């Protein structure tokens, strides 16, 4: 589903490529909080542009390419901060509620959709 959304909503011509996803220790991903991280890794490979170090992704992706909040977003982002990440890409709808948290040096970056994520993460500065 994520590959179809990347093709249709983000404009990536990915459908002609074979896509393989490997998760550490054969863990099965059953919740949607990892959607954005998976999509970002696929984009990184397809665009041949590495994800900058210190960037985390949390969010669900809808069929229209929109980013959605997930449960326990505050705890997830706090954990990302404790792990030493510098930036966390989240749905724009989550950014305001996360502003009250003490996240140290972690910068919260809100995006509305996959195109926004691609334009934010996969561009040369």
PDB file of N, CA and C in Angstrom:
ATOM      1  N   UNK A   1       0.819  -1.185   0.000  1.00  0.00           N
ATOM      2  CA  UNK A   1       0.000   0.000   0.000  1.00  0.00           C
ATOM      3  C   UNK A   1       0.870   1.258   0.000  1.00  0.00           C
ATOM      4  N   UNK A   2       1.918   1.258   0.807  1.00  0.00           N
ATOM      5  CA  UNK A   2       2.779   2.432   0.861  1.00  0.00           C
ATOM      6  C   UNK A   2       3.438   2.731  -0.484  1.00  0.00           C
ATOM      7  N   UNK A   3       3.811   1.696  -1.204  1.00  0.00           N
ATOM      8  CA  UNK A   3       4.437   1.899  -2.511  1.00  0.00           C
ATOM      9  C   UNK A   3       3.447   2.528  -3.491  1.00  0.00           C
ATOM     10  N   UNK A   4       2.208   2.084  -3.462  1.00  0.00           N
ATOM     11  CA  UNK A   4       1.178   2.667  -4.319  1.00  0.00           C
ATOM     12  C   UNK A   4       0.940   4.129  -3.979  1.00  0.00           C
ATOM     13  N   UNK A   5       0.913   4.457  -2.690  1.00  0.00           N
ATOM     14  CA  UNK A   5       0.718   5.850  -2.267  1.00  0.00           C
ATOM     15  C   UNK A   5       1.912   6.701  -2.679  1.00  0.00           C
ATOM     16  N   UNK A   6       3.128   6.171  -2.532  1.00  0.00           N
ATOM     17  CA  UNK A   6       4.315   6.914  -2.968  1.00  0.00           C
ATOM     18  C   UNK A   6       4.261   7.202  -4.466  1.00  0.00           C
ATOM     19  N   UNK A   7       3.788   6.242  -5.241  1.00  0.00           N
ATOM     20  CA  UNK A   7       3.706   6.430  -6.694  1.00  0.00           C
ATOM     21  C   UNK A   7       2.639   7.452  -7.055  1.00  0.00           C
ATOM     22  N   UNK A   8       1.458   7.296  -6.501  1.00  0.00           N
ATOM     23  CA  UNK A   8       0.337   8.156  -6.899  1.00  0.00           C
ATOM     24  C   UNK A   8       0.380   9.540  -6.262  1.00  0.00           C
ATOM     25  N   UNK A   9       0.608   9.606  -4.956  1.00  0.00           N
ATOM     26  CA  UNK A   9       0.498  10.877  -4.244  1.00  0.00           C
ATOM     27  C   UNK A   9       1.803  11.672  -4.179  1.00  0.00           C
ATOM     28  N   UNK A  10       2.937  10.992  -4.193  1.00  0.00           N
ATOM     29  CA  UNK A  10       4.218  11.696  -4.121  1.00  0.00           C
ATOM     30  C   UNK A  10       4.878  11.821  -5.487  1.00  0.00           C
ATOM     31  N   UNK A  11       4.297  11.161  -6.492  1.00  0.00           N
ATOM     32  CA  UNK A  11       4.808  11.295  -7.851  1.00  0.00           C
ATOM     33  C   UNK A  11       6.074  10.501  -8.151  1.00  0.00           C
ATOM     34  N   UNK A  12       6.436   9.559  -7.294  1.00  0.00           N
ATOM     35  CA  UNK A  12       7.627   8.751  -7.561  1.00  0.00           C
ATOM     36  C   UNK A  12       7.275   7.633  -8.536  1.00  0.00           C
ATOM     37  N   UNK A  13       8.062   7.437  -9.552  1.00  0.00           N
ATOM     38  CA  UNK A  13       7.839   6.375 -10.548  1.00  0.00           C
ATOM     39  C   UNK A  13       8.463   5.075 -10.037  1.00  0.00           C
ATOM     40  N   UNK A  14       7.963   4.621  -8.918  1.00  0.00           N
ATOM     41  CA  UNK A  14       8.570   3.501  -8.209  1.00  0.00           C
ATOM     42  C   UNK A  14       7.976   2.153  -8.603  1.00  0.00           C
ATOM     43  N   UNK A  15       6.837   2.164  -9.258  1.00  0.00           N
ATOM     44  CA  UNK A  15       6.107   0.920  -9.545  1.00  0.00           C
ATOM     45  C   UNK A  15       6.872  -0.051 -10.443  1.00  0.00           C
ATOM     46  N   UNK A  16       7.859   0.405 -11.170  1.00  0.00           N
ATOM     47  CA  UNK A  16       8.622  -0.475 -12.056  1.00  0.00           C
ATOM     48  C   UNK A  16       9.817  -1.119 -11.355  1.00  0.00           C
ATOM     49  N   UNK A  17       9.990  -0.831 -10.068  1.00  0.00           N
ATOM     50  CA  UNK A  17      11.131  -1.345  -9.314  1.00  0.00           C
ATOM     51  C   UNK A  17      10.690  -2.433  -8.344  1.00  0.00           C
ATOM     52  N   UNK A  18      11.587  -3.348  -8.077  1.00  0.00           N
ATOM     53  CA  UNK A  18      11.338  -4.348  -7.037  1.00  0.00           C
ATOM     54  C   UNK A  18      11.707  -3.703  -5.707  1.00  0.00           C
ATOM     55  N   UNK A  19      10.835  -3.834  -4.728  1.00  0.00           N
ATOM     56  CA  UNK A  19      11.077  -3.233  -3.420  1.00  0.00           C
ATOM     57  C   UNK A  19      11.086  -4.336  -2.373  1.00  0.00           C
ATOM     58  N   UNK A  20      12.166  -4.382  -1.601  1.00  0.00           N
ATOM     59  CA  UNK A  20      12.297  -5.352  -0.521  1.00  0.00           C
ATOM     60  C   UNK A  20      12.526  -4.591   0.767  1.00  0.00           C
ATOM     61  N   UNK A  21      11.854  -5.014   1.831  1.00  0.00           N
ATOM     62  CA  UNK A  21      12.004  -4.376   3.129  1.00  0.00           C
ATOM     63  C   UNK A  21      12.464  -5.427   4.126  1.00  0.00           C
ATOM     64  N   UNK A  22      13.551  -5.134   4.805  1.00  0.00           N
ATOM     65  CA  UNK A  22      14.074  -6.053   5.808  1.00  0.00           C
ATOM     66  C   UNK A  22      13.980  -5.383   7.164  1.00  0.00           C
ATOM     67  N   UNK A  23      13.388  -6.076   8.133  1.00  0.00           N
ATOM     68  CA  UNK A  23      13.260  -5.553   9.485  1.00  0.00           C
ATOM     69  C   UNK A  23      14.149  -6.390  10.389  1.00  0.00           C
ATOM     70  N   UNK A  24      14.849  -5.741  11.305  1.00  0.00           N
ATOM     71  CA  UNK A  24      15.786  -6.407  12.193  1.00  0.00           C
ATOM     72  C   UNK A  24      15.132  -7.585  12.912  1.00  0.00           C
ATOM     73  N   UNK A  25      15.807  -8.691  12.940  1.00  0.00           N
ATOM     74  CA  UNK A  25      15.389  -9.911  13.652  1.00  0.00           C
ATOM     75  C   UNK A  25      14.051 -10.463  13.195  1.00  0.00           C
ATOM     76  N   UNK A  26      13.609 -10.088  12.015  1.00  0.00           N
ATOM     77  CA  UNK A  26      12.357 -10.633  11.499  1.00  0.00           C
ATOM     78  C   UNK A  26      11.122 -10.145  12.223  1.00  0.00           C
ATOM     79  N   UNK A  27      11.228  -9.002  12.903  1.00  0.00           N
ATOM     80  CA  UNK A  27      10.087  -8.429  13.615  1.00  0.00           C
ATOM     81  C   UNK A  27       8.977  -8.131  12.617  1.00  0.00           C
ATOM     82  N   UNK A  28       7.756  -8.365  13.010  1.00  0.00           N
ATOM     83  CA  UNK A  28       6.611  -8.086  12.159  1.00  0.00           C
ATOM     84  C   UNK A  28       6.025  -6.728  12.540  1.00  0.00           C
ATOM     85  N   UNK A  29       5.892  -5.841  11.573  1.00  0.00           N
ATOM     86  CA  UNK A  29       5.322  -4.523  11.834  1.00  0.00           C
ATOM     87  C   UNK A  29       3.804  -4.598  11.693  1.00  0.00           C
ATOM     88  N   UNK A  30       3.101  -4.360  12.801  1.00  0.00           N
ATOM     89  CA  UNK A  30       1.649  -4.483  12.773  1.00  0.00           C
ATOM     90  C   UNK A  30       0.935  -3.171  13.054  1.00  0.00           C
ATOM     91  N   UNK A  31       1.640  -2.147  13.480  1.00  0.00           N
ATOM     92  CA  UNK A  31       0.983  -0.874  13.722  1.00  0.00           C
ATOM     93  C   UNK A  31       1.434   0.160  12.701  1.00  0.00           C
ATOM     94  N   UNK A  32       0.660   1.215  12.590  1.00  0.00           N
ATOM     95  CA  UNK A  32       0.887   2.186  11.525  1.00  0.00           C
ATOM     96  C   UNK A  32       1.890   3.281  11.866  1.00  0.00           C
ATOM     97  N   UNK A  33       2.392   3.328  13.087  1.00  0.00           N
ATOM     98  CA  UNK A  33       3.329   4.378  13.481  1.00  0.00           C
ATOM     99  C   UNK A  33       4.620   4.337  12.668  1.00  0.00           C
ATOM    100  N   UNK A  34       4.934   3.187  12.100  1.00  0.00           N
ATOM    101  CA  UNK A  34       6.149   3.038  11.303  1.00  0.00           C
ATOM    102  C   UNK A  34       5.977   3.351   9.833  1.00  0.00           C
ATOM    103  N   UNK A  35       4.748   3.659   9.405  1.00  0.00           N
ATOM    104  CA  UNK A  35       4.496   3.945   7.982  1.00  0.00           C
ATOM    105  C   UNK A  35       5.455   4.986   7.419  1.00  0.00           C
ATOM    106  N   UNK A  36       5.585   6.097   8.131  1.00  0.00           N
ATOM    107  CA  UNK A  36       6.397   7.203   7.631  1.00  0.00           C
ATOM    108  C   UNK A  36       7.872   6.823   7.544  1.00  0.00           C
ATOM    109  N   UNK A  37       8.367   6.088   8.526  1.00  0.00           N
ATOM    110  CA  UNK A  37       9.769   5.654   8.496  1.00  0.00           C
ATOM    111  C   UNK A  37      10.018   4.701   7.328  1.00  0.00           C
ATOM    112  N   UNK A  38       9.078   3.802   7.087  1.00  0.00           N
ATOM    113  CA  UNK A  38       9.216   2.866   5.967  1.00  0.00           C
ATOM    114  C   UNK A  38       9.191   3.617   4.645  1.00  0.00           C
ATOM    115  N   UNK A  39       8.236   4.542   4.498  1.00  0.00           N
ATOM    116  CA  UNK A  39       8.155   5.329   3.258  1.00  0.00           C
ATOM    117  C   UNK A  39       9.428   6.147   3.045  1.00  0.00           C
ATOM    118  N   UNK A  40       9.968   6.713   4.121  1.00  0.00           N
ATOM    119  CA  UNK A  40      11.202   7.499   4.004  1.00  0.00           C
ATOM    120  C   UNK A  40      12.367   6.626   3.558  1.00  0.00           C
ATOM    121  N   UNK A  41      12.433   5.403   4.072  1.00  0.00           N
ATOM    122  CA  UNK A  41      13.538   4.520   3.662  1.00  0.00           C
ATOM    123  C   UNK A  41      13.396   4.114   2.197  1.00  0.00           C
ATOM    124  N   UNK A  42      12.176   3.892   1.743  1.00  0.00           N
ATOM    125  CA  UNK A  42      11.948   3.566   0.328  1.00  0.00           C
ATOM    126  C   UNK A  42      12.326   4.755  -0.546  1.00  0.00           C
ATOM    127  N   UNK A  43      11.916   5.960  -0.145  1.00  0.00           N
ATOM    128  CA  UNK A  43      12.279   7.178  -0.888  1.00  0.00           C
ATOM    129  C   UNK A  43      13.786   7.352  -0.942  1.00  0.00           C
ATOM    130  N   UNK A  44      14.444   7.128   0.187  1.00  0.00           N
ATOM    131  CA  UNK A  44      15.896   7.274   0.251  1.00  0.00           C
ATOM    132  C   UNK A  44      16.586   6.376  -0.766  1.00  0.00           C
ATOM    133  N   UNK A  45      16.143   5.133  -0.831  1.00  0.00           N
ATOM    134  CA  UNK A  45      16.736   4.192  -1.772  1.00  0.00           C
ATOM    135  C   UNK A  45      16.419   4.574  -3.215  1.00  0.00           C
ATOM    136  N   UNK A  46      15.153   4.866  -3.470  1.00  0.00           N
ATOM    137  CA  UNK A  46      14.727   5.181  -4.834  1.00  0.00           C
ATOM    138  C   UNK A  46      15.394   6.455  -5.358  1.00  0.00           C
ATOM    139  N   UNK A  47      15.474   7.477  -4.518  1.00  0.00           N
ATOM    140  CA  UNK A  47      16.058   8.757  -4.928  1.00  0.00           C
ATOM    141  C   UNK A  47      17.582   8.769  -4.840  1.00  0.00           C
ATOM    142  N   UNK A  48      18.151   7.679  -4.289  1.00  0.00           N
ATOM    143  CA  UNK A  48      19.597   7.579  -4.074  1.00  0.00           C
ATOM    144  C   UNK A  48      20.108   8.780  -3.288  1.00  0.00           C
ATOM    145  N   UNK A  49      19.378   9.087  -2.223  1.00  0.00           N
ATOM    146  CA  UNK A  49      19.683  10.223  -1.355  1.00  0.00           C
ATOM    147  C   UNK A  49      19.554   9.728   0.089  1.00  0.00           C
ATOM    148  N   UNK A  50      20.654   9.622   0.800  1.00  0.00           N
ATOM    149  CA  UNK A  50      20.576   9.072   2.163  1.00  0.00           C
ATOM    150  C   UNK A  50      19.797   9.966   3.114  1.00  0.00           C
ATOM    151  N   UNK A  51      19.110   9.330   4.040  1.00  0.00           N
ATOM    152  CA  UNK A  51      18.444  10.081   5.101  1.00  0.00           C
ATOM    153  C   UNK A  51      19.550  10.665   5.977  1.00  0.00           C
ATOM    154  N   UNK A  52      19.482  11.966   6.248  1.00  0.00           N
ATOM    155  CA  UNK A  52      20.519  12.556   7.105  1.00  0.00           C
ATOM    156  C   UNK A  52      20.569  11.873   8.472  1.00  0.00           C
ATOM    157  N   UNK A  53      21.741  11.781   9.036  1.00  0.00           N
ATOM    158  CA  UNK A  53      21.875  11.125  10.334  1.00  0.00           C
ATOM    159  C   UNK A  53      21.155  11.959  11.393  1.00  0.00           C
ATOM    160  N   UNK A  54      20.581  11.258  12.368  1.00  0.00           N
ATOM    161  CA  UNK A  54      19.908  11.929  13.465  1.00  0.00           C
ATOM    162  C   UNK A  54      18.463  12.321  13.190  1.00  0.00           C
ATOM    163  N   UNK A  55      17.870  11.774  12.133  1.00  0.00           N
ATOM    164  CA  UNK A  55      16.481  12.098  11.794  1.00  0.00           C
ATOM    165  C   UNK A  55      15.605  10.876  12.042  1.00  0.00           C
ATOM    166  N   UNK A  56      14.492  11.085  12.755  1.00  0.00           N
ATOM    167  CA  UNK A  56      13.517  10.030  13.025  1.00  0.00           C
ATOM    168  C   UNK A  56      12.189  10.404  12.361  1.00  0.00           C
ATOM    169  N   UNK A  57      11.354   9.410  12.126  1.00  0.00           N
ATOM    170  CA  UNK A  57      10.057   9.602  11.476  1.00  0.00           C
ATOM    171  C   UNK A  57       8.988   8.879  12.283  1.00  0.00           C
ATOM    172  N   UNK A  58       7.897   9.575  12.596  1.00  0.00           N
ATOM    173  CA  UNK A  58       6.782   8.942  13.300  1.00  0.00           C
ATOM    174  C   UNK A  58       5.487   9.411  12.657  1.00  0.00           C
ATOM    175  N   UNK A  59       4.684   8.476  12.167  1.00  0.00           N
ATOM    176  CA  UNK A  59       3.381   8.845  11.636  1.00  0.00           C
ATOM    177  C   UNK A  59       2.787   7.782  10.742  1.00  0.00           C
ATOM    178  N   UNK A  60       1.488   7.862  10.589  1.00  0.00           N
ATOM    179  CA  UNK A  60       0.732   6.992   9.694  1.00  0.00           C
ATOM    180  C   UNK A  60       0.533   7.726   8.372  1.00  0.00           C
ATOM    181  N   UNK A  61       0.442   6.971   7.290  1.00  0.00           N
ATOM    182  CA  UNK A  61       0.203   7.560   5.971  1.00  0.00           C
ATOM    183  C   UNK A  61      -1.152   7.093   5.469  1.00  0.00           C
ATOM    184  N   UNK A  62      -1.985   8.067   5.083  1.00  0.00           N
ATOM    185  CA  UNK A  62      -3.294   7.751   4.527  1.00  0.00           C
ATOM    186  C   UNK A  62      -3.197   7.490   3.036  1.00  0.00           C
ATOM    187  N   UNK A  63      -4.286   6.998   2.456  1.00  0.00           N
ATOM    188  CA  UNK A  63      -4.296   6.678   1.023  1.00  0.00           C
ATOM    189  C   UNK A  63      -4.090   7.901   0.138  1.00  0.00           C
ATOM    190  N   UNK A  64      -4.413   9.087   0.659  1.00  0.00           N
ATOM    191  CA  UNK A  64      -4.215  10.319  -0.096  1.00  0.00           C
ATOM    192  C   UNK A  64      -2.826  10.907   0.093  1.00  0.00           C
ATOM    193  N   UNK A  65      -1.947  10.185   0.784  1.00  0.00           N
ATOM    194  CA  UNK A  65      -0.588  10.665   1.019  1.00  0.00           C
ATOM    195  C   UNK A  65      -0.474  11.567   2.234  1.00  0.00           C
ATOM    196  N   UNK A  66      -1.596  11.824   2.920  1.00  0.00           N
ATOM    197  CA  UNK A  66      -1.579  12.698   4.095  1.00  0.00           C
ATOM    198  C   UNK A  66      -0.964  11.963   5.286  1.00  0.00           C
ATOM    199  N   UNK A  67      -0.331  12.746   6.161  1.00  0.00           N
ATOM    200  CA  UNK A  67       0.268  12.181   7.369  1.00  0.00           C
ATOM    201  C   UNK A  67      -0.734  12.298   8.505  1.00  0.00           C
ATOM    202  N   UNK A  68      -0.836  11.231   9.291  1.00  0.00           N
ATOM    203  CA  UNK A  68      -1.782  11.188  10.404  1.00  0.00           C
ATOM    204  C   UNK A  68      -1.058  10.920  11.715  1.00  0.00           C
ATOM    205  N   UNK A  69      -1.644  11.458  12.783  1.00  0.00           N
ATOM    206  CA  UNK A  69      -1.113  11.208  14.121  1.00  0.00           C
ATOM    207  C   UNK A  69      -1.311   9.748  14.497  1.00  0.00           C
ATOM    208  N   UNK A  70      -0.482   9.273  15.401  1.00  0.00           N
ATOM    209  CA  UNK A  70      -0.614   7.918  15.944  1.00  0.00           C
ATOM    210  C   UNK A  70      -0.766   8.025  17.457  1.00  0.00           C
ATOM    211  N   UNK A  71      -1.181   6.956  18.075  1.00  0.00           N
ATOM    212  CA  UNK A  71      -1.370   6.959  19.525  1.00  0.00           C
ATOM    213  C   UNK A  71      -0.033   7.135  20.252  1.00  0.00           C
ATOM    214  N   UNK A  72      -0.108   7.715  21.427  1.00  0.00           N
ATOM    215  CA  UNK A  72       1.050   7.926  22.289  1.00  0.00           C
ATOM    216  C   UNK A  72       2.185   8.687  21.596  1.00  0.00           C
ATOM    217  N   UNK A  73       1.819   9.637  20.770  1.00  0.00           N
ATOM    218  CA  UNK A  73       2.819  10.416  20.018  1.00  0.00           C
ATOM    219  C   UNK A  73       3.808  11.092  20.967  1.00  0.00           C
ATOM    220  N   UNK A  74       3.322  11.638  22.078  1.00  0.00           N
ATOM    221  CA  UNK A  74       4.208  12.325  23.015  1.00  0.00           C
ATOM    222  C   UNK A  74       5.267  11.391  23.599  1.00  0.00           C
ATOM    223  N   UNK A  75       4.879  10.190  23.954  1.00  0.00           N
ATOM    224  CA  UNK A  75       5.835   9.222  24.502  1.00  0.00           C
ATOM    225  C   UNK A  75       6.836   8.771  23.443  1.00  0.00           C
ATOM    226  N   UNK A  76       6.362   8.594  22.225  1.00  0.00           N
ATOM    227  CA  UNK A  76       7.246   8.172  21.135  1.00  0.00           C
ATOM    228  C   UNK A  76       8.305   9.240  20.854  1.00  0.00           C
ATOM    229  N   UNK A  77       7.858  10.499  20.785  1.00  0.00           N
ATOM    230  CA  UNK A  77       8.784  11.596  20.494  1.00  0.00           C
ATOM    231  C   UNK A  77       9.753  11.799  21.662  1.00  0.00           C
ATOM    232  N   UNK A  78       9.272  11.664  22.886  1.00  0.00           N
ATOM    233  CA  UNK A  78      10.159  11.768  24.050  1.00  0.00           C
ATOM    234  C   UNK A  78      11.242  10.696  24.004  1.00  0.00           C
ATOM    235  N   UNK A  79      10.888   9.506  23.597  1.00  0.00           N
ATOM    236  CA  UNK A  79      11.860   8.425  23.467  1.00  0.00           C
ATOM    237  C   UNK A  79      12.887   8.744  22.388  1.00  0.00           C
ATOM    238  N   UNK A  80      12.424   9.291  21.271  1.00  0.00           N
ATOM    239  CA  UNK A  80      13.328   9.697  20.186  1.00  0.00           C
ATOM    240  C   UNK A  80      14.333  10.724  20.719  1.00  0.00           C
ATOM    241  N   UNK A  81      13.857  11.672  21.523  1.00  0.00           N
ATOM    242  CA  UNK A  81      14.745  12.693  22.097  1.00  0.00           C
ATOM    243  C   UNK A  81      15.774  12.053  23.030  1.00  0.00           C
ATOM    244  N   UNK A  82      15.321  11.120  23.859  1.00  0.00           N
ATOM    245  CA  UNK A  82      16.230  10.448  24.798  1.00  0.00           C
ATOM    246  C   UNK A  82      17.287   9.624  24.067  1.00  0.00           C
ATOM    247  N   UNK A  83      16.948   9.125  22.886  1.00  0.00           N
ATOM    248  CA  UNK A  83      17.900   8.336  22.102  1.00  0.00           C
ATOM    249  C   UNK A  83      18.926   9.206  21.367  1.00  0.00           C
ATOM    250  N   UNK A  84      18.772  10.528  21.451  1.00  0.00           N
ATOM    251  CA  UNK A  84      19.769  11.428  20.890  1.00  0.00           C
ATOM    252  C   UNK A  84      19.531  11.897  19.467  1.00  0.00           C
ATOM    253  N   UNK A  85      18.351  11.658  18.929  1.00  0.00           N
ATOM    254  CA  UNK A  85      18.056  12.153  17.585  1.00  0.00           C
ATOM    255  C   UNK A  85      18.006  13.676  17.600  1.00  0.00           C
ATOM    256  N   UNK A  86      18.307  14.300  16.463  1.00  0.00           N
ATOM    257  CA  UNK A  86      18.327  15.763  16.358  1.00  0.00           C
ATOM    258  C   UNK A  86      17.046  16.325  15.751  1.00  0.00           C
ATOM    259  N   UNK A  87      16.394  15.544  14.890  1.00  0.00           N
ATOM    260  CA  UNK A  87      15.161  15.982  14.225  1.00  0.00           C
ATOM    261  C   UNK A  87      14.169  14.838  14.209  1.00  0.00           C
ATOM    262  N   UNK A  88      12.886  15.187  14.289  1.00  0.00           N
ATOM    263  CA  UNK A  88      11.841  14.182  14.191  1.00  0.00           C
ATOM    264  C   UNK A  88      10.748  14.714  13.265  1.00  0.00           C
ATOM    265  N   UNK A  89      10.492  13.988  12.194  1.00  0.00           N
ATOM    266  CA  UNK A  89       9.453  14.353  11.234  1.00  0.00           C
ATOM    267  C   UNK A  89       8.143  13.736  11.711  1.00  0.00           C
ATOM    268  N   UNK A  90       7.126  14.566  11.893  1.00  0.00           N
ATOM    269  CA  UNK A  90       5.825  14.121  12.385  1.00  0.00           C
ATOM    270  C   UNK A  90       4.723  14.768  11.550  1.00  0.00           C
ATOM    271  N   UNK A  91       3.490  14.274  11.666  1.00  0.00           N
ATOM    272  CA  UNK A  91       2.376  14.954  11.004  1.00  0.00           C
ATOM    273  C   UNK A  91       2.233  16.382  11.540  1.00  0.00           C
ATOM    274  N   UNK A  92       1.876  17.312  10.681  1.00  0.00           N
ATOM    275  CA  UNK A  92       1.706  18.702  11.086  1.00  0.00           C
ATOM    276  C   UNK A  92       0.704  18.806  12.233  1.00  0.00           C
ATOM    277  N   UNK A  93      -0.305  17.960  12.230  1.00  0.00           N
ATOM    278  CA  UNK A  93      -1.332  17.991  13.273  1.00  0.00           C
ATOM    279  C   UNK A  93      -0.764  17.653  14.654  1.00  0.00           C
ATOM    280  N   UNK A  94       0.380  17.016  14.722  1.00  0.00           N
ATOM    281  CA  UNK A  94       0.990  16.647  16.002  1.00  0.00           C
ATOM    282  C   UNK A  94       1.946  17.716  16.512  1.00  0.00           C
ATOM    283  N   UNK A  95       2.425  18.571  15.642  1.00  0.00           N
ATOM    284  CA  UNK A  95       3.476  19.518  16.012  1.00  0.00           C
ATOM    285  C   UNK A  95       3.060  20.434  17.162  1.00  0.00           C
ATOM    286  N   UNK A  96       1.855  20.960  17.120  1.00  0.00           N
ATOM    287  CA  UNK A  96       1.410  21.896  18.150  1.00  0.00           C
ATOM    288  C   UNK A  96       1.323  21.221  19.514  1.00  0.00           C
ATOM    289  N   UNK A  97       0.783  20.013  19.572  1.00  0.00           N
ATOM    290  CA  UNK A  97       0.643  19.323  20.852  1.00  0.00           C
ATOM    291  C   UNK A  97       2.000  18.908  21.428  1.00  0.00           C
ATOM    292  N   UNK A  98       2.995  18.756  20.583  1.00  0.00           N
ATOM    293  CA  UNK A  98       4.330  18.361  21.043  1.00  0.00           C
ATOM    294  C   UNK A  98       5.163  19.547  21.509  1.00  0.00           C
ATOM    295  N   UNK A  99       4.725  20.767  21.199  1.00  0.00           N
ATOM    296  CA  UNK A  99       5.487  21.969  21.527  1.00  0.00           C
ATOM    297  C   UNK A  99       5.652  22.162  23.032  1.00  0.00           C
ATOM    298  N   UNK A 100       4.750  21.602  23.825  1.00  0.00           N
ATOM    299  CA  UNK A 100       4.815  21.781  25.279  1.00  0.00           C
ATOM    300  C   UNK A 100       5.785  20.821  25.956  1.00  0.00           C
ATOM    301  N   UNK A 101       6.271  19.831  25.233  1.00  0.00           N
ATOM    302  CA  UNK A 101       7.175  18.839  25.818  1.00  0.00           C
ATOM    303  C   UNK A 101       8.598  19.375  25.920  1.00  0.00           C
ATOM    304  N   UNK A 102       9.316  18.952  26.947  1.00  0.00           N
ATOM    305  CA  UNK A 102      10.731  19.279  27.076  1.00  0.00           C
ATOM    306  C   UNK A 102      11.519  18.215  26.321  1.00  0.00           C
ATOM    307  N   UNK A 103      11.941  18.549  25.113  1.00  0.00           N
ATOM    308  CA  UNK A 103      12.599  17.577  24.242  1.00  0.00           C
ATOM    309  C   UNK A 103      14.083  17.870  24.045  1.00  0.00           C
ATOM    310  N   UNK A 104      14.621  18.745  24.867  1.00  0.00           N
ATOM    311  CA  UNK A 104      16.041  19.066  24.751  1.00  0.00           C
ATOM    312  C   UNK A 104      16.350  19.689  23.398  1.00  0.00           C
ATOM    313  N   UNK A 105      17.316  19.106  22.706  1.00  0.00           N
ATOM    314  CA  UNK A 105      17.781  19.628  21.416  1.00  0.00           C
ATOM    315  C   UNK A 105      16.962  19.135  20.221  1.00  0.00           C
ATOM    316  N   UNK A 106      15.994  18.262  20.459  1.00  0.00           N
ATOM    317  CA  UNK A 106      15.223  17.678  19.355  1.00  0.00           C
ATOM    318  C   UNK A 106      14.354  18.726  18.678  1.00  0.00           C
ATOM    319  N   UNK A 107      14.496  18.836  17.353  1.00  0.00           N
ATOM    320  CA  UNK A 107      13.671  19.738  16.549  1.00  0.00           C
ATOM    321  C   UNK A 107      12.517  18.945  15.944  1.00  0.00           C
ATOM    322  N   UNK A 108      11.299  19.403  16.203  1.00  0.00           N
ATOM    323  CA  UNK A 108      10.111  18.763  15.649  1.00  0.00           C
ATOM    324  C   UNK A 108       9.780  19.450  14.329  1.00  0.00           C
ATOM    325  N   UNK A 109       9.670  18.649  13.275  1.00  0.00           N
ATOM    326  CA  UNK A 109       9.342  19.182  11.952  1.00  0.00           C
ATOM    327  C   UNK A 109       8.020  18.570  11.512  1.00  0.00           C
ATOM    328  N   UNK A 110       7.018  19.408  11.326  1.00  0.00           N
ATOM    329  CA  UNK A 110       5.708  18.941  10.912  1.00  0.00           C
ATOM    330  C   UNK A 110       5.539  19.008   9.402  1.00  0.00           C
ATOM    331  N   UNK A 111       4.948  17.977   8.836  1.00  0.00           N
ATOM    332  CA  UNK A 111       4.649  17.928   7.404  1.00  0.00           C
ATOM    333  C   UNK A 111       3.195  17.489   7.219  1.00  0.00           C
ATOM    334  N   UNK A 112       2.557  17.989   6.197  1.00  0.00           N
ATOM    335  CA  UNK A 112       1.163  17.627   5.925  1.00  0.00           C
ATOM    336  C   UNK A 112       1.036  16.320   5.153  1.00  0.00           C
ATOM    337  N   UNK A 113       2.006  16.064   4.256  1.00  0.00           N
ATOM    338  CA  UNK A 113       1.886  14.902   3.375  1.00  0.00           C
ATOM    339  C   UNK A 113       3.256  14.402   2.937  1.00  0.00           C
ATOM    340  N   UNK A 114       3.238  13.334   2.139  1.00  0.00           N
ATOM    341  CA  UNK A 114       4.497  12.737   1.676  1.00  0.00           C
ATOM    342  C   UNK A 114       5.329  13.689   0.838  1.00  0.00           C
ATOM    343  N   UNK A 115       4.681  14.488   0.005  1.00  0.00           N
ATOM    344  CA  UNK A 115       5.441  15.457  -0.799  1.00  0.00           C
ATOM    345  C   UNK A 115       6.200  16.421   0.106  1.00  0.00           C
ATOM    346  N   UNK A 116       5.565  16.830   1.193  1.00  0.00           N
ATOM    347  CA  UNK A 116       6.221  17.713   2.151  1.00  0.00           C
ATOM    348  C   UNK A 116       7.425  17.056   2.798  1.00  0.00           C
ATOM    349  N   UNK A 117       7.297  15.771   3.123  1.00  0.00           N
ATOM    350  CA  UNK A 117       8.421  15.030   3.718  1.00  0.00           C
ATOM    351  C   UNK A 117       9.571  14.953   2.717  1.00  0.00           C
ATOM    352  N   UNK A 118       9.264  14.609   1.480  1.00  0.00           N
ATOM    353  CA  UNK A 118      10.302  14.501   0.452  1.00  0.00           C
ATOM    354  C   UNK A 118      10.995  15.843   0.253  1.00  0.00           C
ATOM    355  N   UNK A 119      10.223  16.924   0.191  1.00  0.00           N
ATOM    356  CA  UNK A 119      10.813  18.255  -0.001  1.00  0.00           C
ATOM    357  C   UNK A 119      11.618  18.716   1.207  1.00  0.00           C
ATOM    358  N   UNK A 120      11.275  18.245   2.392  1.00  0.00           N
ATOM    359  CA  UNK A 120      11.980  18.621   3.609  1.00  0.00           C
ATOM    360  C   UNK A 120      13.249  17.812   3.809  1.00  0.00           C
ATOM    361  N   UNK A 121      13.166  16.523   3.606  1.00  0.00           N
ATOM    362  CA  UNK A 121      14.284  15.621   3.955  1.00  0.00           C
ATOM    363  C   UNK A 121      15.230  15.375   2.789  1.00  0.00           C
ATOM    364  N   UNK A 122      14.691  15.250   1.584  1.00  0.00           N
ATOM    365  CA  UNK A 122      15.505  14.815   0.447  1.00  0.00           C
ATOM    366  C   UNK A 122      15.840  15.949  -0.509  1.00  0.00           C
ATOM    367  N   UNK A 123      16.308  17.052   0.047  1.00  0.00           N
ATOM    368  CA  UNK A 123      16.780  18.174  -0.773  1.00  0.00           C
ATOM    369  C   UNK A 123      18.156  18.583  -0.280  1.00  0.00           C
ATOM    370  N   UNK A 124      18.960  19.063  -1.193  1.00  0.00           N
ATOM    371  CA  UNK A 124      20.304  19.503  -0.826  1.00  0.00           C
ATOM    372  C   UNK A 124      20.197  20.904  -0.228  1.00  0.00           C
ATOM    373  N   UNK A 125      20.926  21.107   0.860  1.00  0.00           N
ATOM    374  CA  UNK A 125      20.900  22.432   1.521  1.00  0.00           C
ATOM    375  C   UNK A 125      21.850  23.379   0.879  1.00  0.00           C
TER     376      UNK A 125
END
